[in-house]
C-alpha atoms as a PDB file:
ATOM      1  CA  MET A   1       0.000   0.000   0.000  1.00  0.00           C
ATOM      2  CA  TYR A   2       1.095   3.523  -0.793  1.00  0.00           C
ATOM      3  CA  THR A   3       0.390   6.788   0.990  1.00  0.00           C
ATOM      4  CA  VAL A   4      -0.559   9.897  -0.984  1.00  0.00           C
ATOM      5  CA  GLY A   5       3.046  11.137  -0.813  1.00  0.00           C
ATOM      6  CA  GLN A   6       4.491   7.789  -1.910  1.00  0.00           C
ATOM      7  CA  LEU A   7       2.056   7.475  -4.809  1.00  0.00           C
ATOM      8  CA  GLY A   8       2.782  11.070  -5.843  1.00  0.00           C
ATOM      9  CA  LYS A   9       6.525  10.375  -5.960  1.00  0.00           C
ATOM     10  CA  LEU A  10       5.991   7.096  -7.801  1.00  0.00           C
ATOM     11  CA  ILE A  11       3.938   8.648 -10.607  1.00  0.00           C
ATOM     12  CA  GLY A  12       5.220  12.233 -10.529  1.00  0.00           C
ATOM     13  CA  LEU A  13       2.078  14.024  -9.379  1.00  0.00           C
ATOM     14  CA  SER A  14       1.620  16.454  -6.522  1.00  0.00           C
ATOM     15  CA  ARG A  15      -0.212  15.531  -3.355  1.00  0.00           C
ATOM     16  CA  SER A  16      -2.832  18.193  -4.122  1.00  0.00           C
ATOM     17  CA  ALA A  17      -3.493  16.684  -7.578  1.00  0.00           C
ATOM     18  CA  LEU A  18      -4.052  13.250  -6.031  1.00  0.00           C
ATOM     19  CA  LEU A  19      -6.368  14.726  -3.401  1.00  0.00           C
ATOM     20  CA  TYR A  20      -8.285  16.483  -6.180  1.00  0.00           C
ATOM     21  CA  TYR A  21      -8.571  13.226  -8.124  1.00  0.00           C
ATOM     22  CA  ASP A  22     -10.031  11.643  -4.994  1.00  0.00           C
ATOM     23  CA  GLU A  23     -12.419  14.572  -4.524  1.00  0.00           C
ATOM     24  CA  ILE A  24     -13.817  14.228  -8.069  1.00  0.00           C
ATOM     25  CA  GLY A  25     -13.958  10.430  -7.870  1.00  0.00           C
ATOM     26  CA  LEU A  26     -11.286   9.756 -10.466  1.00  0.00           C
ATOM     27  CA  LEU A  27      -8.928   7.908  -8.118  1.00  0.00           C
ATOM     28  CA  SER A  28     -10.093   7.019  -4.649  1.00  0.00           C
ATOM     29  CA  PRO A  29      -7.843   5.138  -2.246  1.00  0.00           C
ATOM     30  CA  SER A  30      -8.600   1.486  -1.647  1.00  0.00           C
ATOM     31  CA  ALA A  31      -8.166   1.816   2.089  1.00  0.00           C
ATOM     32  CA  ARG A  32      -7.461   4.127   5.000  1.00  0.00           C
ATOM     33  CA  SER A  33      -4.923   3.656   7.744  1.00  0.00           C
ATOM     34  CA  SER A  34      -5.988   3.525  11.401  1.00  0.00           C
ATOM     35  CA  SER A  35      -5.140   7.235  11.574  1.00  0.00           C
ATOM     36  CA  GLY A  36      -7.282   8.010   8.517  1.00  0.00           C
ATOM     37  CA  TYR A  37      -4.517   8.372   5.925  1.00  0.00           C
ATOM     38  CA  ARG A  38      -5.360   7.412   2.363  1.00  0.00           C
ATOM     39  CA  LEU A  39      -3.752   4.156   1.216  1.00  0.00           C
ATOM     40  CA  TYR A  40      -3.452   3.164  -2.421  1.00  0.00           C
ATOM     41  CA  SER A  41      -3.135  -0.406  -3.682  1.00  0.00           C
ATOM     42  CA  ASP A  42      -1.261  -1.769  -6.701  1.00  0.00           C
ATOM     43  CA  GLY A  43      -4.621  -1.729  -8.499  1.00  0.00           C
ATOM     44  CA  ASP A  44      -4.929   1.986  -7.708  1.00  0.00           C
ATOM     45  CA  VAL A  45      -1.444   2.510  -9.147  1.00  0.00           C
ATOM     46  CA  ARG A  46      -2.490   0.757 -12.374  1.00  0.00           C
ATOM     47  CA  ARG A  47      -5.614   2.935 -12.546  1.00  0.00           C
ATOM     48  CA  MET A  48      -3.442   6.013 -12.012  1.00  0.00           C
ATOM     49  CA  GLU A  49      -1.139   4.860 -14.823  1.00  0.00           C
ATOM     50  CA  ARG A  50      -4.163   4.678 -17.136  1.00  0.00           C
ATOM     51  CA  ILE A  51      -5.198   8.165 -16.019  1.00  0.00           C
ATOM     52  CA  MET A  52      -1.698   9.456 -16.824  1.00  0.00           C
ATOM     53  CA  ILE A  53      -1.780   7.856 -20.283  1.00  0.00           C
ATOM     54  CA  TYR A  54      -5.138   9.508 -20.975  1.00  0.00           C
ATOM     55  CA  ARG A  55      -3.806  12.856 -19.687  1.00  0.00           C
ATOM     56  CA  ASN A  56      -0.796  12.533 -22.017  1.00  0.00           C
ATOM     57  CA  ALA A  57      -3.300  12.016 -24.857  1.00  0.00           C
ATOM     58  CA  GLY A  58      -4.776  15.416 -23.963  1.00  0.00           C
ATOM     59  CA  LEU A  59      -8.059  14.128 -22.571  1.00  0.00           C
ATOM     60  CA  SER A  60      -9.907  16.175 -19.973  1.00  0.00           C
ATOM     61  CA  LEU A  61     -10.477  14.756 -16.503  1.00  0.00           C
ATOM     62  CA  GLU A  62     -14.183  14.537 -17.301  1.00  0.00           C
ATOM     63  CA  VAL A  63     -13.537  12.419 -20.400  1.00  0.00           C
ATOM     64  CA  ILE A  64     -11.023  10.302 -18.485  1.00  0.00           C
ATOM     65  CA  GLY A  65     -13.721   9.599 -15.913  1.00  0.00           C
ATOM     66  CA  GLU A  66     -16.025   8.467 -18.739  1.00  0.00           C
ATOM     67  CA  LEU A  67     -13.322   6.206 -20.149  1.00  0.00           C
ATOM     68  CA  LEU A  68     -12.582   4.609 -16.810  1.00  0.00           C
ATOM     69  CA  GLN A  69     -16.288   3.789 -16.438  1.00  0.00           C
ATOM     70  CA  ALA A  70     -16.796   2.792 -20.078  1.00  0.00           C
ATOM     71  CA  ASP A  71     -17.138  -0.740 -21.327  1.00  0.00           C
ATOM     72  CA  SER A  72     -14.845  -2.121 -24.015  1.00  0.00           C
ATOM     73  CA  THR A  73     -17.182  -1.050 -26.843  1.00  0.00           C
ATOM     74  CA  SER A  74     -17.739   2.571 -25.837  1.00  0.00           C
ATOM     75  CA  ALA A  75     -14.125   3.446 -24.917  1.00  0.00           C
ATOM     76  CA  PRO A  76     -12.937   3.359 -28.565  1.00  0.00           C
ATOM     77  CA  VAL A  77     -15.816   5.657 -29.540  1.00  0.00           C
ATOM     78  CA  VAL A  78     -14.698   8.240 -26.975  1.00  0.00           C
ATOM     79  CA  LEU A  79     -11.069   7.966 -28.106  1.00  0.00           C
ATOM     80  CA  GLU A  80     -12.001   8.216 -31.795  1.00  0.00           C
ATOM     81  CA  ARG A  81     -14.058  11.335 -31.061  1.00  0.00           C
ATOM     82  CA  HIS A  82     -11.056  12.891 -29.310  1.00  0.00           C
ATOM     83  CA  LEU A  83      -8.736  11.894 -32.164  1.00  0.00           C
ATOM     84  CA  TYR A  84     -11.125  13.572 -34.620  1.00  0.00           C
ATOM     85  CA  GLU A  85     -11.001  16.773 -32.547  1.00  0.00           C
ATOM     86  CA  VAL A  86      -7.186  16.623 -32.350  1.00  0.00           C
ATOM     87  CA  ASN A  87      -6.998  16.212 -36.142  1.00  0.00           C
ATOM     88  CA  LYS A  88      -9.267  19.243 -36.619  1.00  0.00           C
ATOM     89  CA  GLU A  89      -7.064  21.291 -34.286  1.00  0.00           C
ATOM     90  CA  ILE A  90      -3.908  20.213 -36.143  1.00  0.00           C
ATOM     91  CA  ALA A  91      -5.490  21.250 -39.439  1.00  0.00           C
ATOM     92  CA  ARG A  92      -6.461  24.619 -37.945  1.00  0.00           C
ATOM     93  CA  LEU A  93      -2.928  25.176 -36.606  1.00  0.00           C
ATOM     94  CA  ARG A  94      -1.414  24.101 -39.920  1.00  0.00           C
ATOM     95  CA  GLN A  95      -3.541  26.700 -41.697  1.00  0.00           C
ATOM     96  CA  GLN A  96      -2.355  29.362 -39.242  1.00  0.00           C
ATOM     97  CA  GLN A  97       1.232  28.281 -39.862  1.00  0.00           C
ATOM     98  CA  HIS A  98       0.843  28.794 -43.614  1.00  0.00           C
ATOM     99  CA  VAL A  99      -0.809  32.194 -43.229  1.00  0.00           C
ATOM    100  CA  ILE A 100       1.957  33.399 -40.883  1.00  0.00           C
ATOM    101  CA  ALA A 101       4.649  32.091 -43.226  1.00  0.00           C
ATOM    102  CA  GLN A 102       3.001  33.891 -46.160  1.00  0.00           C
ATOM    103  CA  LEU A 103       2.739  37.108 -44.167  1.00  0.00           C
ATOM    104  CA  LEU A 104       6.432  36.928 -43.342  1.00  0.00           C
ATOM    105  CA  GLY A 105       7.344  36.087 -46.932  1.00  0.00           C
ATOM    106  CA  ASP A 106      10.971  35.385 -46.003  1.00  0.00           C
ATOM    107  CA  GLU A 107      12.419  32.174 -47.507  1.00  0.00           C
ATOM    108  CA  GLN A 108      14.653  31.563 -44.469  1.00  0.00           C
ATOM    109  CA  VAL A 109      11.699  31.854 -42.096  1.00  0.00           C
ATOM    110  CA  LEU A 110       9.636  29.572 -44.326  1.00  0.00           C
ATOM    111  CA  ARG A 111      12.342  26.899 -44.165  1.00  0.00           C
ATOM    112  CA  LYS A 112      12.448  27.121 -40.355  1.00  0.00           C
ATOM    113  CA  SER A 113       8.666  26.871 -40.070  1.00  0.00           C
ATOM    114  CA  ARG A 114       8.813  23.096 -40.582  1.00  0.00           C
ATOM    115  CA  SER A 115       6.221  23.326 -43.295  1.00  0.00           C
ATOM    116  CA  MET A 116       6.303  22.832 -47.009  1.00  0.00           C
ATOM    117  CA  THR A 117       4.271  24.441 -49.739  1.00  0.00           C
ATOM    118  CA  LYS A 118       2.663  22.685 -52.670  1.00  0.00           C
ATOM    119  CA  ASP A 119       5.250  24.197 -55.031  1.00  0.00           C
ATOM    120  CA  GLN A 120       8.137  23.009 -52.845  1.00  0.00           C
ATOM    121  CA  TRP A 121       6.653  19.490 -52.718  1.00  0.00           C
ATOM    122  CA  ILE A 122       6.194  19.342 -56.504  1.00  0.00           C
ATOM    123  CA  ALA A 123       9.771  20.570 -57.000  1.00  0.00           C
ATOM    124  CA  LEU A 124      11.043  17.907 -54.592  1.00  0.00           C
ATOM    125  CA  LEU A 125       9.171  15.119 -56.379  1.00  0.00           C
ATOM    126  CA  ALA A 126      10.356  16.398 -59.778  1.00  0.00           C
ATOM    127  CA  SER A 127      13.969  16.529 -58.549  1.00  0.00           C
ATOM    128  CA  THR A 128      13.732  12.819 -57.669  1.00  0.00           C
ATOM    129  CA  GLY A 129      12.664  12.018 -61.203  1.00  0.00           C
ATOM    130  CA  LEU A 130       8.884  11.819 -60.848  1.00  0.00           C
ATOM    131  CA  ASP A 131       7.044  13.197 -63.831  1.00  0.00           C
ATOM    132  CA  GLU A 132       3.366  14.225 -63.887  1.00  0.00           C
ATOM    133  CA  GLU A 133       2.252  10.607 -64.369  1.00  0.00           C
ATOM    134  CA  GLY A 134       4.411   9.457 -61.461  1.00  0.00           C
ATOM    135  CA  MET A 135       2.996  12.181 -59.212  1.00  0.00           C
ATOM    136  CA  ASP A 136      -0.535  11.150 -60.181  1.00  0.00           C
ATOM    137  CA  LYS A 137       0.308   7.542 -59.314  1.00  0.00           C
ATOM    138  CA  TRP A 138       1.747   8.715 -55.992  1.00  0.00           C
ATOM    139  CA  HIS A 139      -1.575  10.416 -55.151  1.00  0.00           C
ATOM    140  CA  VAL A 140      -3.595   7.378 -56.261  1.00  0.00           C
ATOM    141  CA  GLU A 141      -1.568   5.056 -54.015  1.00  0.00           C
ATOM    142  CA  PHE A 142      -1.658   7.455 -51.066  1.00  0.00           C
ATOM    143  CA  GLU A 143      -5.436   7.849 -51.390  1.00  0.00           C
ATOM    144  CA  LYS A 144      -5.895   4.092 -51.637  1.00  0.00           C
ATOM    145  CA  MET A 145      -3.627   3.251 -48.686  1.00  0.00           C
ATOM    146  CA  SER A 146      -4.666   5.987 -46.266  1.00  0.00           C
ATOM    147  CA  PRO A 147      -7.303   8.484 -47.404  1.00  0.00           C
ATOM    148  CA  ASP A 148      -7.348  10.450 -44.143  1.00  0.00           C
ATOM    149  CA  ALA A 149      -3.558  10.757 -44.073  1.00  0.00           C
ATOM    150  CA  HIS A 150      -3.673  11.860 -47.723  1.00  0.00           C
ATOM    151  CA  GLN A 151      -6.150  14.593 -46.748  1.00  0.00           C
ATOM    152  CA  ASP A 152      -3.937  15.645 -43.821  1.00  0.00           C
ATOM    153  CA  PHE A 153      -0.842  15.740 -45.998  1.00  0.00           C
ATOM    154  CA  LEU A 154      -2.500  17.872 -48.668  1.00  0.00           C
ATOM    155  CA  GLU A 155      -3.749  20.237 -45.973  1.00  0.00           C
ATOM    156  CA  SER A 156      -0.210  20.440 -44.567  1.00  0.00           C
ATOM    157  CA  LEU A 157       0.928  21.832 -47.926  1.00  0.00           C
ATOM    158  CA  GLY A 158      -1.583  24.666 -47.588  1.00  0.00           C
ATOM    159  CA  ILE A 159      -3.668  23.513 -50.531  1.00  0.00           C
ATOM    160  CA  PRO A 160      -7.213  24.950 -50.527  1.00  0.00           C
ATOM    161  CA  GLN A 161     -10.010  22.504 -49.650  1.00  0.00           C
ATOM    162  CA  GLU A 162     -11.584  22.757 -53.105  1.00  0.00           C
ATOM    163  CA  GLU A 163      -8.327  21.706 -54.767  1.00  0.00           C
ATOM    164  CA  ILE A 164      -7.818  18.909 -52.218  1.00  0.00           C
ATOM    165  CA  ALA A 165     -11.282  17.590 -53.050  1.00  0.00           C
ATOM    166  CA  LEU A 166     -10.413  17.568 -56.764  1.00  0.00           C
ATOM    167  CA  ILE A 167      -7.082  15.782 -56.175  1.00  0.00           C
ATOM    168  CA  ARG A 168      -8.737  13.127 -54.036  1.00  0.00           C
ATOM    169  CA  GLN A 169     -11.632  12.620 -56.488  1.00  0.00           C
ATOM    170  CA  PHE A 170      -9.139  12.279 -59.341  1.00  0.00           C
ATOM    171  CA  SER A 171      -7.093   9.788 -57.300  1.00  0.00           C
ATOM    172  CA  ARG A 172     -10.133   7.649 -56.483  1.00  0.00           C
ATOM    173  CA  ARG A 173     -11.321   7.650 -60.112  1.00  0.00           C
ATOM    174  CA  LYS A 174      -7.847   6.664 -61.350  1.00  0.00           C
ATOM    175  CA  ALA A 175      -7.704   3.837 -58.786  1.00  0.00           C
ATOM    176  CA  ILE A 176     -11.103   2.508 -59.920  1.00  0.00           C
ATOM    177  CA  HIS A 177     -10.086   2.582 -63.598  1.00  0.00           C
ATOM    178  CA  ARG A 178      -6.764   0.907 -62.847  1.00  0.00           C
ATOM    179  CA  ASP A 179      -8.131  -1.745 -60.477  1.00  0.00           C
ATOM    180  CA  GLY A 180     -11.469  -2.257 -62.217  1.00  0.00           C
END
């Protein structure tokens, strides 16, 4: 059994955080000592480890509470919903990144921004020997293997949504004609 202080040291959380988790019902101690101190079992430690994993995934304490109570079929639904929200936030931040880079207009700053434009990507593919047909095939394969990642990648290049939709439609049609 672990006291609040021992558990806090073991998992790297403050005593006040653990007391708050107890207060909101997220992690209650399995027992109390004769003097009333909270005592945590190995099972409580495992539960706390799950809580920490969920916190590292960016989940709120409220959602973590839902997950800890959820059955095996509803937990993936909650996680998928959170992943969808994270993907939307990444897309929003990526768009901000491109706007800021365009406002700055400095090539050196653009290189440091850890982003790439559509023109830079096309130039990179061309420099490796891919012609227009090869680039089309690249899109077809990407769309076939991982459509959501293809969408994310195109967004990361700062391509407008209308153009992304056209690229993906073209890629799906090409795949059907090739495979069909």
